[in-house]
Amino acid sequence: MDNRAEVRDFLVGRRARISPEQAGLATFGDTRRVPGLRRGEVAHLAGVSVEYYTRLERGNLAGVSETVLDSLARALHLDEAERAYLFDLARTATGPARPARPARGSQHARVRPSIRRVLDAITGAPAYVRNARMDILAANDLCFALYVDILTPRTLPVNFARFLFLDPRATDFFIDWPTVADAAAAGLRGEAGRSPLDRQLSDLIGELATRNDEFRIRWARHNVRLHRTAVKRLRHPVIGDIELTGDAMELPADALTLITYTASHAAAQQQLDFLASWTGDQRQSRPGGPPAGTTIPPTSKSKDPAEPSH
């Protein structure tokens, strides 16, 4: 990435979204040609000169102190993810003081046996392990059943962002696809700030931006987000529409993240229980649908099991 362009676009975008009223400034009825704060107002709020802030907004963060960055983050009302991204951009602009660190989760197969055992021990919730580029590296049986025909042991690793933006099945699988897409693009933007020298990450971003307009639009917004928890609504060919809560747990020793999906309510838990039962039957070589003598829970909005997922 062009660091100066990233800095410029990020700061301009954050300045444009804050009104003088939100910043606590009196406007006295003046008319503004563009939304948001003026450069001079941001400079005033951050306690720096207009000339100095103008230099920052033109993309030059080299040598900027943490004190100034903190003041700028407060002036622009940056949240935790945005503040971290600003500091990452400043660190890149200054230049590495030591050799660049390896990209986080850079090896596809680096999932230790003990982590795989943890996945296998999680039997009541779908769970998977991914790296910072959103490569799904390992998953438990219930996750394979939830992501039916999308994730299989034979096809791993699967890049979540590539599936989301390039696979036509994703818009049907994720009921709230725009929201999931927003979060994914914002997550990749944050990781690009943390790991600017990750060639595989930059190649992935370039591929998505080249091949998908929806990703390109979201990438241009310069939004960043920490992936910690989110409600996901999924459409499954066997159990119908289901609402789950996804939670991310960092595995610092491996630079990986464990994602689990748990039921948001009793009806969703009933659907998960049914899916676990159906999965167990599939492992016993009874293909084609739910076990004989069982029925899909009446609370689920089921589809015909033979109906394909688009």
Protein backbone atom coordinates (compact mmCIF):
# COMPACT_ATOMS: atom_id res chain seq x y z
CA MET A 1 0.00 0.00 0.00
CA ASP A 2 1.00 3.62 -0.59
CA ASN A 3 1.33 4.76 3.02
CA ARG A 4 0.98 8.47 2.31
CA ALA A 5 -2.20 7.92 0.31
CA GLU A 6 -3.59 5.67 3.06
CA VAL A 7 -2.88 8.30 5.72
CA ARG A 8 -4.41 11.09 3.63
CA ASP A 9 -7.59 9.20 2.76
CA PHE A 10 -8.05 7.92 6.30
CA LEU A 11 -7.68 11.33 7.96
CA VAL A 12 -9.83 13.11 5.38
CA GLY A 13 -12.53 10.46 5.77
CA ARG A 14 -12.55 10.67 9.57
CA ARG A 15 -12.63 14.50 9.48
CA ALA A 16 -15.57 14.51 7.06
CA ARG A 17 -17.81 12.39 9.27
CA ILE A 18 -17.66 14.68 12.37
CA SER A 19 -19.93 17.69 12.55
CA PRO A 20 -18.90 20.83 14.44
CA GLU A 21 -21.74 20.14 16.89
CA GLN A 22 -20.36 16.66 17.61
CA ALA A 23 -16.95 18.23 18.24
CA GLY A 24 -18.43 20.83 20.58
CA LEU A 25 -17.70 23.76 18.29
CA ALA A 26 -19.94 26.77 17.73
CA THR A 27 -20.72 27.40 14.04
CA PHE A 28 -22.83 30.59 14.30
CA GLY A 29 -24.90 29.49 11.31
CA ASP A 30 -22.03 29.36 8.79
CA THR A 31 -22.67 27.37 5.62
CA ARG A 32 -20.21 24.62 4.72
CA ARG A 33 -19.54 23.44 1.22
CA VAL A 34 -18.29 20.03 2.39
CA PRO A 35 -19.40 17.93 5.37
CA GLY A 36 -17.43 17.59 8.55
CA LEU A 37 -14.77 19.65 10.25
CA ARG A 38 -12.37 22.04 8.59
CA ARG A 39 -8.62 21.45 8.85
CA GLY A 40 -8.22 24.41 11.16
CA GLU A 41 -10.86 23.04 13.51
CA VAL A 42 -9.15 19.65 13.73
CA ALA A 43 -5.83 21.41 14.36
CA HIS A 44 -7.42 23.45 17.14
CA LEU A 45 -8.96 20.38 18.77
CA ALA A 46 -5.68 18.46 18.53
CA GLY A 47 -3.61 21.34 19.86
CA VAL A 48 -1.35 21.70 16.83
CA SER A 49 -0.88 24.39 14.20
CA VAL A 50 -2.92 24.37 11.00
CA GLU A 51 0.32 24.02 9.02
CA TYR A 52 1.37 20.98 11.04
CA TYR A 53 -2.02 19.27 10.72
CA THR A 54 -2.04 20.02 6.98
CA ARG A 55 1.29 18.21 6.73
CA LEU A 56 -0.20 15.21 8.55
CA GLU A 57 -3.29 15.10 6.36
CA ARG A 58 -1.12 15.17 3.26
CA GLY A 59 0.17 11.79 4.40
CA ASN A 60 3.34 12.61 6.30
CA LEU A 61 3.18 10.87 9.69
CA ALA A 62 6.93 10.21 9.88
CA GLY A 63 8.32 11.05 13.30
CA VAL A 64 4.97 12.11 14.80
CA SER A 65 4.97 11.62 18.58
CA GLU A 66 2.51 9.39 20.41
CA THR A 67 1.25 12.48 22.24
CA VAL A 68 0.24 14.14 18.97
CA LEU A 69 -1.30 10.90 17.68
CA ASP A 70 -3.33 10.59 20.89
CA SER A 71 -4.54 14.18 20.54
CA LEU A 72 -5.43 13.61 16.91
CA ALA A 73 -7.34 10.43 17.78
CA ARG A 74 -9.38 12.32 20.37
CA ALA A 75 -10.05 15.23 18.01
CA LEU A 76 -11.33 12.87 15.32
CA HIS A 77 -13.33 10.73 17.77
CA LEU A 78 -11.48 7.57 16.71
CA ASP A 79 -12.61 4.32 18.28
CA GLU A 80 -10.19 1.64 19.50
CA ALA A 81 -9.74 0.02 16.10
CA GLU A 82 -9.28 3.35 14.31
CA ARG A 83 -6.79 4.60 16.88
CA ALA A 84 -4.72 1.42 16.52
CA TYR A 85 -4.83 1.81 12.74
CA LEU A 86 -3.59 5.42 12.97
CA PHE A 87 -0.67 4.31 15.15
CA ASP A 88 0.11 1.47 12.72
CA LEU A 89 0.17 3.93 9.81
CA ALA A 90 2.52 6.20 11.76
CA ARG A 91 4.79 3.28 12.58
CA THR A 92 4.99 2.33 8.90
CA ALA A 93 5.65 5.94 7.88
CA THR A 94 8.54 6.20 10.31
CA GLY A 95 10.07 2.99 9.00
CA PRO A 96 10.91 -0.24 10.84
CA ALA A 97 13.65 0.11 13.43
CA ARG A 98 14.32 -3.61 13.15
CA PRO A 99 13.62 -6.29 10.53
CA ALA A 100 9.94 -6.60 9.76
CA ARG A 101 8.14 -9.20 11.81
CA PRO A 102 6.77 -12.25 10.00
CA ALA A 103 3.20 -11.97 8.86
CA ARG A 104 0.83 -13.24 11.51
CA GLY A 105 -0.35 -16.76 10.78
CA SER A 106 1.76 -16.82 7.64
CA GLN A 107 1.94 -20.59 7.31
CA HIS A 108 -1.28 -22.30 6.24
CA ALA A 109 -0.66 -25.52 8.18
CA ARG A 110 0.47 -24.02 11.48
CA VAL A 111 -2.30 -25.40 13.66
CA ARG A 112 -0.84 -27.30 16.59
CA PRO A 113 -2.29 -30.71 17.53
CA SER A 114 -3.43 -29.31 20.91
CA ILE A 115 -5.50 -26.63 19.15
CA ARG A 116 -7.05 -29.26 16.91
CA ARG A 117 -7.94 -31.19 20.08
CA VAL A 118 -9.61 -28.07 21.45
CA LEU A 119 -11.68 -27.82 18.26
CA ASP A 120 -12.69 -31.48 18.51
CA ALA A 121 -13.64 -31.00 22.16
CA ILE A 122 -16.12 -28.25 21.22
CA THR A 123 -19.03 -30.50 20.27
CA GLY A 124 -22.03 -28.24 20.92
CA ALA A 125 -20.95 -25.21 18.88
CA PRO A 126 -19.48 -24.72 15.40
CA ALA A 127 -15.88 -23.52 15.70
CA TYR A 128 -12.93 -22.83 13.42
CA VAL A 129 -9.42 -21.41 13.55
CA ARG A 130 -8.24 -18.72 11.14
CA ASN A 131 -5.19 -16.54 10.64
CA ALA A 132 -5.10 -12.76 10.30
CA ARG A 133 -5.72 -12.93 6.53
CA MET A 134 -8.99 -14.80 7.24
CA ASP A 135 -7.69 -18.14 5.98
CA ILE A 136 -9.78 -20.80 7.74
CA LEU A 137 -7.20 -23.44 8.67
CA ALA A 138 -9.11 -25.96 10.76
CA ALA A 139 -12.69 -26.54 11.91
CA ASN A 140 -14.74 -28.95 13.99
CA ASP A 141 -17.39 -31.31 12.64
CA LEU A 142 -20.31 -29.05 13.52
CA CYS A 143 -18.69 -26.15 11.67
CA PHE A 144 -18.28 -28.31 8.57
CA ALA A 145 -21.97 -29.18 8.89
CA LEU A 146 -22.97 -25.52 9.29
CA TYR A 147 -20.87 -24.48 6.28
CA VAL A 148 -22.12 -27.46 4.30
CA ASP A 149 -20.50 -27.75 0.84
CA ILE A 150 -18.48 -24.61 1.62
CA LEU A 151 -15.98 -25.96 4.16
CA THR A 152 -14.71 -29.52 4.03
CA PRO A 153 -11.58 -31.11 5.52
CA ARG A 154 -10.30 -31.67 1.98
CA THR A 155 -10.67 -28.06 0.80
CA LEU A 156 -8.99 -26.29 3.75
CA PRO A 157 -7.54 -23.74 3.91
CA VAL A 158 -10.41 -21.61 2.62
CA ASN A 159 -10.13 -17.84 2.69
CA PHE A 160 -13.26 -16.37 4.27
CA ALA A 161 -13.00 -13.01 2.47
CA ARG A 162 -12.48 -14.68 -0.90
CA PHE A 163 -15.57 -16.83 -0.33
CA LEU A 164 -17.57 -13.84 0.86
CA PHE A 165 -16.82 -11.60 -2.12
CA LEU A 166 -16.12 -14.01 -4.98
CA ASP A 167 -18.41 -17.01 -4.36
CA PRO A 168 -22.04 -16.43 -5.45
CA ARG A 169 -23.26 -18.77 -2.70
CA ALA A 170 -22.20 -16.29 -0.01
CA THR A 171 -25.05 -13.80 -0.57
CA ASP A 172 -27.59 -16.54 0.09
CA PHE A 173 -25.72 -18.18 2.96
CA PHE A 174 -25.30 -14.93 4.91
CA ILE A 175 -28.75 -13.38 5.31
CA ASP A 176 -27.18 -10.06 6.34
CA TRP A 177 -24.49 -10.24 3.66
CA PRO A 178 -23.85 -6.45 3.44
CA THR A 179 -23.14 -6.26 7.18
CA VAL A 180 -20.82 -9.27 7.07
CA ALA A 181 -19.08 -7.80 4.02
CA ASP A 182 -18.60 -4.46 5.79
CA ALA A 183 -16.97 -6.20 8.76
CA ALA A 184 -14.71 -8.35 6.60
CA ALA A 185 -13.40 -5.42 4.54
CA ALA A 186 -12.85 -3.39 7.71
CA GLY A 187 -11.01 -6.29 9.31
CA LEU A 188 -8.70 -6.66 6.32
CA ARG A 189 -8.07 -2.90 6.34
CA GLY A 190 -6.97 -3.07 9.97
CA GLU A 191 -4.70 -6.03 9.32
CA ALA A 192 -3.14 -4.24 6.35
CA GLY A 193 -2.18 -1.44 8.73
CA ARG A 194 -0.63 -3.90 11.21
CA SER A 195 1.18 -5.98 8.58
CA PRO A 196 2.00 -3.72 5.61
CA LEU A 197 4.77 -6.06 4.42
CA ASP A 198 2.57 -9.16 4.23
CA ARG A 199 2.76 -9.94 0.52
CA GLN A 200 0.03 -12.59 0.64
CA LEU A 201 -2.32 -10.13 2.30
CA SER A 202 -1.64 -7.41 -0.26
CA ASP A 203 -2.14 -9.95 -3.07
CA LEU A 204 -5.48 -10.98 -1.56
CA ILE A 205 -6.64 -7.36 -1.25
CA GLY A 206 -5.54 -6.65 -4.82
CA GLU A 207 -7.41 -9.70 -6.11
CA LEU A 208 -10.62 -8.77 -4.30
CA ALA A 209 -10.43 -5.13 -5.39
CA THR A 210 -9.85 -6.15 -9.00
CA ARG A 211 -12.56 -8.78 -9.18
CA ASN A 212 -15.37 -7.44 -7.00
CA ASP A 213 -17.02 -4.01 -7.01
CA GLU A 214 -18.62 -4.56 -3.60
CA PHE A 215 -15.23 -5.09 -2.00
CA ARG A 216 -13.69 -2.15 -3.86
CA ILE A 217 -16.45 0.20 -2.62
CA ARG A 218 -15.98 -0.96 0.97
CA TRP A 219 -12.19 -0.78 0.79
CA ALA A 220 -12.40 2.84 -0.37
CA ARG A 221 -14.28 3.80 2.80
CA HIS A 222 -11.15 3.21 4.92
CA ASN A 223 -13.20 1.74 7.75
CA VAL A 224 -11.42 -0.46 10.28
CA ARG A 225 -12.91 -2.78 12.85
CA LEU A 226 -11.85 -5.20 15.56
CA HIS A 227 -13.44 -8.62 15.14
CA ARG A 228 -14.60 -9.67 18.61
CA THR A 229 -18.28 -10.56 18.58
CA ALA A 230 -21.18 -10.33 16.14
CA VAL A 231 -24.60 -11.81 15.51
CA LYS A 232 -24.69 -13.89 12.34
CA ARG A 233 -27.85 -15.01 10.55
CA LEU A 234 -27.23 -17.94 8.23
CA ARG A 235 -29.41 -19.84 5.76
CA HIS A 236 -28.82 -23.60 5.87
CA PRO A 237 -30.33 -26.14 3.43
CA VAL A 238 -31.31 -28.54 6.25
CA ILE A 239 -32.13 -26.49 9.36
CA GLY A 240 -33.27 -23.31 7.62
CA ASP A 241 -32.47 -19.80 8.84
CA ILE A 242 -30.52 -19.70 12.10
CA GLU A 243 -29.24 -16.87 14.28
CA LEU A 244 -25.93 -17.42 16.06
CA THR A 245 -23.51 -15.29 18.06
CA GLY A 246 -19.93 -15.41 16.82
CA ASP A 247 -17.11 -14.75 19.29
CA ALA A 248 -13.41 -14.39 18.49
CA MET A 249 -10.75 -15.58 20.93
CA GLU A 250 -7.13 -14.77 20.21
CA LEU A 251 -4.48 -17.50 20.39
CA PRO A 252 -1.41 -15.28 20.97
CA ALA A 253 1.17 -18.07 20.97
CA ASP A 254 0.16 -19.01 17.43
CA ALA A 255 -0.99 -15.63 16.06
CA LEU A 256 -4.31 -17.30 15.23
CA THR A 257 -7.93 -16.71 16.20
CA LEU A 258 -10.53 -19.22 17.39
CA ILE A 259 -14.06 -18.39 16.22
CA THR A 260 -17.06 -20.03 17.89
CA TYR A 261 -20.76 -19.80 17.04
CA THR A 262 -23.25 -20.25 19.87
CA ALA A 263 -27.03 -20.18 19.88
CA SER A 264 -28.57 -16.78 20.49
CA HIS A 265 -31.82 -18.30 21.78
CA ALA A 266 -33.48 -21.63 22.56
CA ALA A 267 -34.82 -22.16 19.05
CA ALA A 268 -31.35 -21.74 17.56
CA GLN A 269 -29.96 -24.23 20.10
CA GLN A 270 -32.60 -26.72 19.01
CA GLN A 271 -31.49 -26.25 15.42
CA LEU A 272 -27.83 -26.74 16.37
CA ASP A 273 -28.69 -29.90 18.30
CA PHE A 274 -30.54 -31.23 15.30
CA LEU A 275 -27.61 -30.35 13.02
CA ALA A 276 -25.21 -32.18 15.36
CA SER A 277 -27.47 -35.25 15.24
CA TRP A 278 -27.70 -35.08 11.46
CA THR A 279 -23.92 -34.70 11.20
CA GLY A 280 -23.36 -37.75 13.36
CA ASP A 281 -25.59 -39.74 11.07
CA GLN A 282 -23.65 -38.52 8.02
CA ARG A 283 -20.42 -39.77 9.59
CA GLN A 284 -22.02 -43.19 9.83
CA SER A 285 -22.41 -43.27 6.02
CA ARG A 286 -26.08 -42.51 5.75
CA PRO A 287 -26.01 -39.79 3.07
CA GLY A 288 -28.85 -37.85 1.58
CA GLY A 289 -30.52 -36.03 4.42
CA PRO A 290 -31.74 -36.27 8.01
CA PRO A 291 -31.82 -39.67 9.76
CA ALA A 292 -34.93 -41.76 9.30
CA GLY A 293 -37.52 -41.13 11.99
CA THR A 294 -36.36 -37.58 12.84
CA THR A 295 -37.89 -34.27 11.91
CA ILE A 296 -36.48 -30.80 11.53
CA PRO A 297 -37.40 -28.67 14.56
CA PRO A 298 -40.66 -26.80 13.90
CA THR A 299 -39.07 -23.52 15.03
CA SER A 300 -36.67 -23.46 12.07
CA LYS A 301 -37.53 -21.96 8.70
CA SER A 302 -36.40 -24.99 6.77
CA LYS A 303 -35.84 -25.44 3.10
CA ASP A 304 -36.03 -28.61 1.11
CA PRO A 305 -32.75 -30.49 1.88
CA ALA A 306 -32.38 -31.18 -1.81
CA GLU A 307 -32.59 -27.49 -2.69
CA PRO A 308 -29.14 -26.15 -3.59
CA SER A 309 -27.59 -23.21 -1.76
CA HIS A 310 -26.71 -20.40 -4.14
